[in-house]
Amino acid sequence: MQSRFHPMFYVILPLAVLGFATQFEALVRSLVIPIAIIAVLLVLSFFMQKRSYRPRQTRVSPRQTRRQPEKPKNKRQTSPFRVIEGRKGQDEEEPPRYH
């Protein structure tokens, strides 16, 4: 034979579970904010202490040798052209041919 529970048991049991769940949720909510604040403060204090105990070291950068200024390159190349002597100053009385 199968034992049967009273019908009121089927009503009270889910209500009790629901009540415990809401109470647990309220407890967790009331504890989460203070725990989070304490955790943030502990993390901040840990990093601040770690930073303050470390001696500050200034790095001395090695002297860099200055570059010697490059000599300016010749802007002009020597051209293979030759100068053709003109008639300027040789004969002043003759007018130019192309005027």
N, C-alpha and C. Protein backbone atom coordinates (compact mmCIF):
# COMPACT_ATOMS: atom_id res chain seq x y z
N MET A 1 0.83 -1.18 0.00
CA MET A 1 0.00 0.00 0.00
C MET A 1 0.87 1.24 0.00
N GLN A 2 0.35 2.20 -0.67
CA GLN A 2 1.07 3.46 -0.80
C GLN A 2 0.58 4.43 0.26
N SER A 3 1.55 5.05 1.00
CA SER A 3 1.12 6.01 2.01
C SER A 3 0.91 7.35 1.33
N ARG A 4 -0.15 7.97 1.66
CA ARG A 4 -0.50 9.25 1.06
C ARG A 4 -0.38 10.32 2.12
N PHE A 5 0.06 11.48 1.66
CA PHE A 5 0.17 12.62 2.56
C PHE A 5 -1.13 13.38 2.53
N HIS A 6 -1.30 14.12 3.57
CA HIS A 6 -2.50 14.95 3.68
C HIS A 6 -2.44 16.02 2.60
N PRO A 7 -3.55 16.40 1.97
CA PRO A 7 -3.53 17.42 0.91
C PRO A 7 -2.99 18.77 1.38
N MET A 8 -3.14 19.07 2.65
CA MET A 8 -2.63 20.34 3.16
C MET A 8 -1.10 20.36 3.12
N PHE A 9 -0.47 19.20 3.21
CA PHE A 9 0.99 19.09 3.14
C PHE A 9 1.49 19.57 1.77
N TYR A 10 0.76 19.26 0.71
CA TYR A 10 1.14 19.68 -0.64
C TYR A 10 1.01 21.19 -0.83
N VAL A 11 0.26 21.83 0.00
CA VAL A 11 0.13 23.30 -0.07
C VAL A 11 1.19 23.95 0.82
N ILE A 12 1.41 23.43 1.99
CA ILE A 12 2.32 24.06 2.95
C ILE A 12 3.79 23.88 2.53
N LEU A 13 4.16 22.72 2.01
CA LEU A 13 5.56 22.48 1.64
C LEU A 13 6.07 23.47 0.59
N PRO A 14 5.40 23.73 -0.53
CA PRO A 14 5.92 24.72 -1.48
C PRO A 14 5.96 26.13 -0.90
N LEU A 15 4.99 26.46 -0.05
CA LEU A 15 5.00 27.79 0.57
C LEU A 15 6.19 27.93 1.52
N ALA A 16 6.53 26.88 2.23
CA ALA A 16 7.68 26.92 3.13
C ALA A 16 8.98 27.05 2.33
N VAL A 17 9.09 26.31 1.25
CA VAL A 17 10.28 26.41 0.41
C VAL A 17 10.40 27.81 -0.17
N LEU A 18 9.29 28.37 -0.62
CA LEU A 18 9.28 29.73 -1.16
C LEU A 18 9.68 30.74 -0.09
N GLY A 19 9.21 30.58 1.13
CA GLY A 19 9.57 31.48 2.22
C GLY A 19 11.06 31.40 2.55
N PHE A 20 11.60 30.17 2.62
CA PHE A 20 13.03 30.03 2.88
C PHE A 20 13.87 30.65 1.75
N ALA A 21 13.44 30.47 0.52
CA ALA A 21 14.19 31.01 -0.62
C ALA A 21 14.19 32.54 -0.60
N THR A 22 13.06 33.15 -0.30
CA THR A 22 13.02 34.62 -0.27
C THR A 22 13.83 35.16 0.90
N GLN A 23 13.80 34.49 2.04
CA GLN A 23 14.60 34.94 3.18
C GLN A 23 16.09 34.80 2.87
N PHE A 24 16.48 33.72 2.23
CA PHE A 24 17.88 33.53 1.87
C PHE A 24 18.32 34.59 0.86
N GLU A 25 17.46 34.89 -0.10
CA GLU A 25 17.78 35.92 -1.10
C GLU A 25 17.93 37.28 -0.44
N ALA A 26 17.06 37.61 0.50
CA ALA A 26 17.15 38.90 1.20
C ALA A 26 18.43 38.97 2.02
N LEU A 27 18.80 37.86 2.65
CA LEU A 27 20.04 37.83 3.43
C LEU A 27 21.26 38.04 2.53
N VAL A 28 21.26 37.37 1.39
CA VAL A 28 22.38 37.51 0.46
C VAL A 28 22.46 38.94 -0.06
N ARG A 29 21.32 39.51 -0.42
CA ARG A 29 21.31 40.89 -0.92
C ARG A 29 21.82 41.87 0.13
N SER A 30 21.45 41.65 1.37
CA SER A 30 21.88 42.58 2.42
C SER A 30 23.37 42.42 2.73
N LEU A 31 23.95 41.26 2.42
CA LEU A 31 25.36 41.04 2.69
C LEU A 31 26.27 41.34 1.49
N VAL A 32 25.72 41.33 0.29
CA VAL A 32 26.55 41.49 -0.91
C VAL A 32 27.18 42.87 -0.97
N ILE A 33 26.42 43.91 -0.73
CA ILE A 33 26.94 45.28 -0.86
C ILE A 33 28.05 45.55 0.16
N PRO A 34 27.87 45.25 1.44
CA PRO A 34 28.99 45.47 2.37
C PRO A 34 30.22 44.62 2.05
N ILE A 35 30.01 43.38 1.65
CA ILE A 35 31.15 42.53 1.31
C ILE A 35 31.88 43.08 0.09
N ALA A 36 31.14 43.56 -0.90
CA ALA A 36 31.78 44.13 -2.09
C ALA A 36 32.57 45.39 -1.74
N ILE A 37 32.02 46.23 -0.88
CA ILE A 37 32.72 47.46 -0.48
C ILE A 37 34.00 47.11 0.28
N ILE A 38 33.91 46.15 1.19
CA ILE A 38 35.09 45.74 1.96
C ILE A 38 36.15 45.16 1.02
N ALA A 39 35.73 44.36 0.05
CA ALA A 39 36.68 43.76 -0.89
C ALA A 39 37.39 44.84 -1.71
N VAL A 40 36.64 45.84 -2.17
CA VAL A 40 37.25 46.92 -2.95
C VAL A 40 38.25 47.69 -2.10
N LEU A 41 37.90 47.97 -0.85
CA LEU A 41 38.82 48.70 0.03
C LEU A 41 40.09 47.88 0.32
N LEU A 42 39.93 46.58 0.52
CA LEU A 42 41.11 45.74 0.76
C LEU A 42 42.03 45.69 -0.45
N VAL A 43 41.44 45.58 -1.63
CA VAL A 43 42.26 45.55 -2.85
C VAL A 43 42.99 46.87 -3.03
N LEU A 44 42.30 47.99 -2.80
CA LEU A 44 42.94 49.30 -2.93
C LEU A 44 44.07 49.46 -1.91
N SER A 45 43.83 49.05 -0.68
CA SER A 45 44.88 49.20 0.33
C SER A 45 46.07 48.29 0.02
N PHE A 46 45.80 47.11 -0.52
CA PHE A 46 46.89 46.21 -0.88
C PHE A 46 47.78 46.84 -1.95
N PHE A 47 47.16 47.41 -2.97
CA PHE A 47 47.96 48.02 -4.03
C PHE A 47 48.68 49.27 -3.55
N MET A 48 48.06 50.03 -2.67
CA MET A 48 48.72 51.24 -2.17
C MET A 48 49.93 50.87 -1.30
N GLN A 49 49.81 49.85 -0.46
CA GLN A 49 50.93 49.43 0.37
C GLN A 49 52.05 48.87 -0.48
N LYS A 50 51.71 48.10 -1.45
CA LYS A 50 52.71 47.50 -2.32
C LYS A 50 53.47 48.60 -3.07
N ARG A 51 52.78 49.63 -3.42
CA ARG A 51 53.40 50.72 -4.16
C ARG A 51 54.27 51.58 -3.25
N SER A 52 53.85 51.78 -1.98
CA SER A 52 54.59 52.67 -1.10
C SER A 52 55.86 52.01 -0.55
N TYR A 53 55.87 50.70 -0.39
CA TYR A 53 57.05 50.03 0.14
C TYR A 53 58.17 49.92 -0.89
N ARG A 54 57.82 49.97 -2.12
CA ARG A 54 58.83 49.84 -3.16
C ARG A 54 59.58 51.16 -3.28
N PRO A 55 60.89 51.14 -3.13
CA PRO A 55 61.63 52.39 -3.27
C PRO A 55 61.56 52.89 -4.70
N ARG A 56 61.43 54.18 -4.79
CA ARG A 56 61.33 54.76 -6.12
C ARG A 56 62.72 54.85 -6.73
N GLN A 57 62.85 54.25 -7.82
CA GLN A 57 64.14 54.25 -8.50
C GLN A 57 64.01 55.10 -9.76
N THR A 58 64.95 55.99 -9.89
CA THR A 58 64.96 56.77 -11.11
C THR A 58 65.99 56.15 -12.04
N ARG A 59 65.57 55.92 -13.19
CA ARG A 59 66.48 55.31 -14.16
C ARG A 59 67.34 56.39 -14.78
N VAL A 60 68.60 56.12 -14.78
CA VAL A 60 69.52 57.04 -15.43
C VAL A 60 69.70 56.53 -16.85
N SER A 61 69.25 57.32 -17.77
CA SER A 61 69.34 56.87 -19.14
C SER A 61 70.78 57.04 -19.63
N PRO A 62 71.27 56.08 -20.34
CA PRO A 62 72.64 56.19 -20.83
C PRO A 62 72.74 57.33 -21.84
N ARG A 63 73.87 57.99 -21.80
CA ARG A 63 74.04 59.11 -22.72
C ARG A 63 74.13 58.58 -24.14
N GLN A 64 73.38 59.20 -24.94
CA GLN A 64 73.41 58.80 -26.33
C GLN A 64 74.42 59.67 -27.06
N THR A 65 75.17 59.03 -27.91
CA THR A 65 76.14 59.80 -28.66
C THR A 65 75.40 60.62 -29.71
N ARG A 66 75.82 61.84 -29.81
CA ARG A 66 75.17 62.70 -30.79
C ARG A 66 75.64 62.31 -32.18
N ARG A 67 74.73 62.37 -33.06
CA ARG A 67 75.08 62.08 -34.44
C ARG A 67 75.89 63.23 -35.00
N GLN A 68 76.87 62.86 -35.72
CA GLN A 68 77.62 63.89 -36.42
C GLN A 68 76.74 64.39 -37.56
N PRO A 69 76.63 65.70 -37.68
CA PRO A 69 75.78 66.19 -38.76
C PRO A 69 76.37 65.75 -40.11
N GLU A 70 75.48 65.27 -40.91
CA GLU A 70 75.94 64.79 -42.20
C GLU A 70 76.37 65.96 -43.05
N LYS A 71 77.42 65.75 -43.78
CA LYS A 71 77.90 66.80 -44.66
C LYS A 71 76.91 66.94 -45.81
N PRO A 72 76.61 68.19 -46.15
CA PRO A 72 75.64 68.36 -47.23
C PRO A 72 76.19 67.79 -48.54
N LYS A 73 75.33 67.08 -49.19
CA LYS A 73 75.74 66.49 -50.45
C LYS A 73 75.75 67.59 -51.51
N ASN A 74 76.57 67.38 -52.50
CA ASN A 74 76.60 68.36 -53.58
C ASN A 74 75.24 68.41 -54.24
N LYS A 75 74.68 69.60 -54.30
CA LYS A 75 73.38 69.72 -54.92
C LYS A 75 73.50 69.67 -56.44
N ARG A 76 74.65 70.04 -56.92
CA ARG A 76 74.86 70.06 -58.36
C ARG A 76 75.90 69.02 -58.74
N GLN A 77 75.64 68.43 -59.82
CA GLN A 77 76.63 67.50 -60.35
C GLN A 77 77.44 68.23 -61.43
N THR A 78 78.63 67.82 -61.58
CA THR A 78 79.42 68.42 -62.65
C THR A 78 78.84 67.96 -63.97
N SER A 79 78.61 68.91 -64.84
CA SER A 79 77.99 68.57 -66.12
C SER A 79 79.06 68.37 -67.19
N PRO A 80 78.76 67.55 -68.14
CA PRO A 80 79.74 67.28 -69.19
C PRO A 80 79.74 68.35 -70.29
N PHE A 81 79.08 69.46 -70.04
CA PHE A 81 79.00 70.50 -71.07
C PHE A 81 80.27 71.33 -71.08
N ARG A 82 80.53 71.95 -72.18
CA ARG A 82 81.66 72.86 -72.26
C ARG A 82 81.16 74.23 -72.69
N VAL A 83 81.88 75.22 -72.29
CA VAL A 83 81.49 76.59 -72.57
C VAL A 83 81.99 76.97 -73.96
N ILE A 84 81.08 77.51 -74.74
CA ILE A 84 81.46 78.01 -76.06
C ILE A 84 81.70 79.50 -75.93
N GLU A 85 82.84 79.91 -76.33
CA GLU A 85 83.18 81.32 -76.22
C GLU A 85 82.26 82.12 -77.13
N GLY A 86 81.66 83.16 -76.55
CA GLY A 86 80.79 84.02 -77.33
C GLY A 86 81.53 85.20 -77.92
N ARG A 87 80.77 86.10 -78.56
CA ARG A 87 81.38 87.25 -79.21
C ARG A 87 81.21 88.49 -78.37
N LYS A 88 80.71 88.35 -77.17
CA LYS A 88 80.44 89.50 -76.33
C LYS A 88 81.75 90.19 -75.98
N GLY A 89 81.76 91.46 -76.14
CA GLY A 89 82.94 92.23 -75.81
C GLY A 89 84.01 92.21 -76.89
N GLN A 90 83.86 91.40 -77.91
CA GLN A 90 84.87 91.36 -78.97
C GLN A 90 84.62 92.46 -80.00
N ASP A 91 83.39 92.57 -80.41
CA ASP A 91 83.09 93.55 -81.44
C ASP A 91 81.84 94.30 -81.00
N GLU A 92 82.01 95.51 -80.54
CA GLU A 92 80.90 96.27 -80.00
C GLU A 92 80.09 96.96 -81.11
N GLU A 93 80.64 97.23 -82.26
CA GLU A 93 79.94 98.00 -83.28
C GLU A 93 78.94 97.16 -84.05
N GLU A 94 79.11 95.91 -84.13
CA GLU A 94 78.18 95.08 -84.90
C GLU A 94 76.92 94.82 -84.08
N PRO A 95 75.73 95.03 -84.65
CA PRO A 95 74.50 94.69 -83.93
C PRO A 95 74.33 93.17 -83.87
N PRO A 96 73.61 92.69 -82.90
CA PRO A 96 73.40 91.25 -82.82
C PRO A 96 72.64 90.75 -84.04
N ARG A 97 72.85 89.50 -84.41
CA ARG A 97 72.25 88.94 -85.62
C ARG A 97 70.76 88.67 -85.45
N TYR A 98 70.33 88.37 -84.33
CA TYR A 98 68.94 87.92 -84.17
C TYR A 98 68.02 88.99 -83.62
N HIS A 99 68.41 90.28 -83.67
CA HIS A 99 67.50 91.35 -83.26
C HIS A 99 66.78 91.90 -84.42
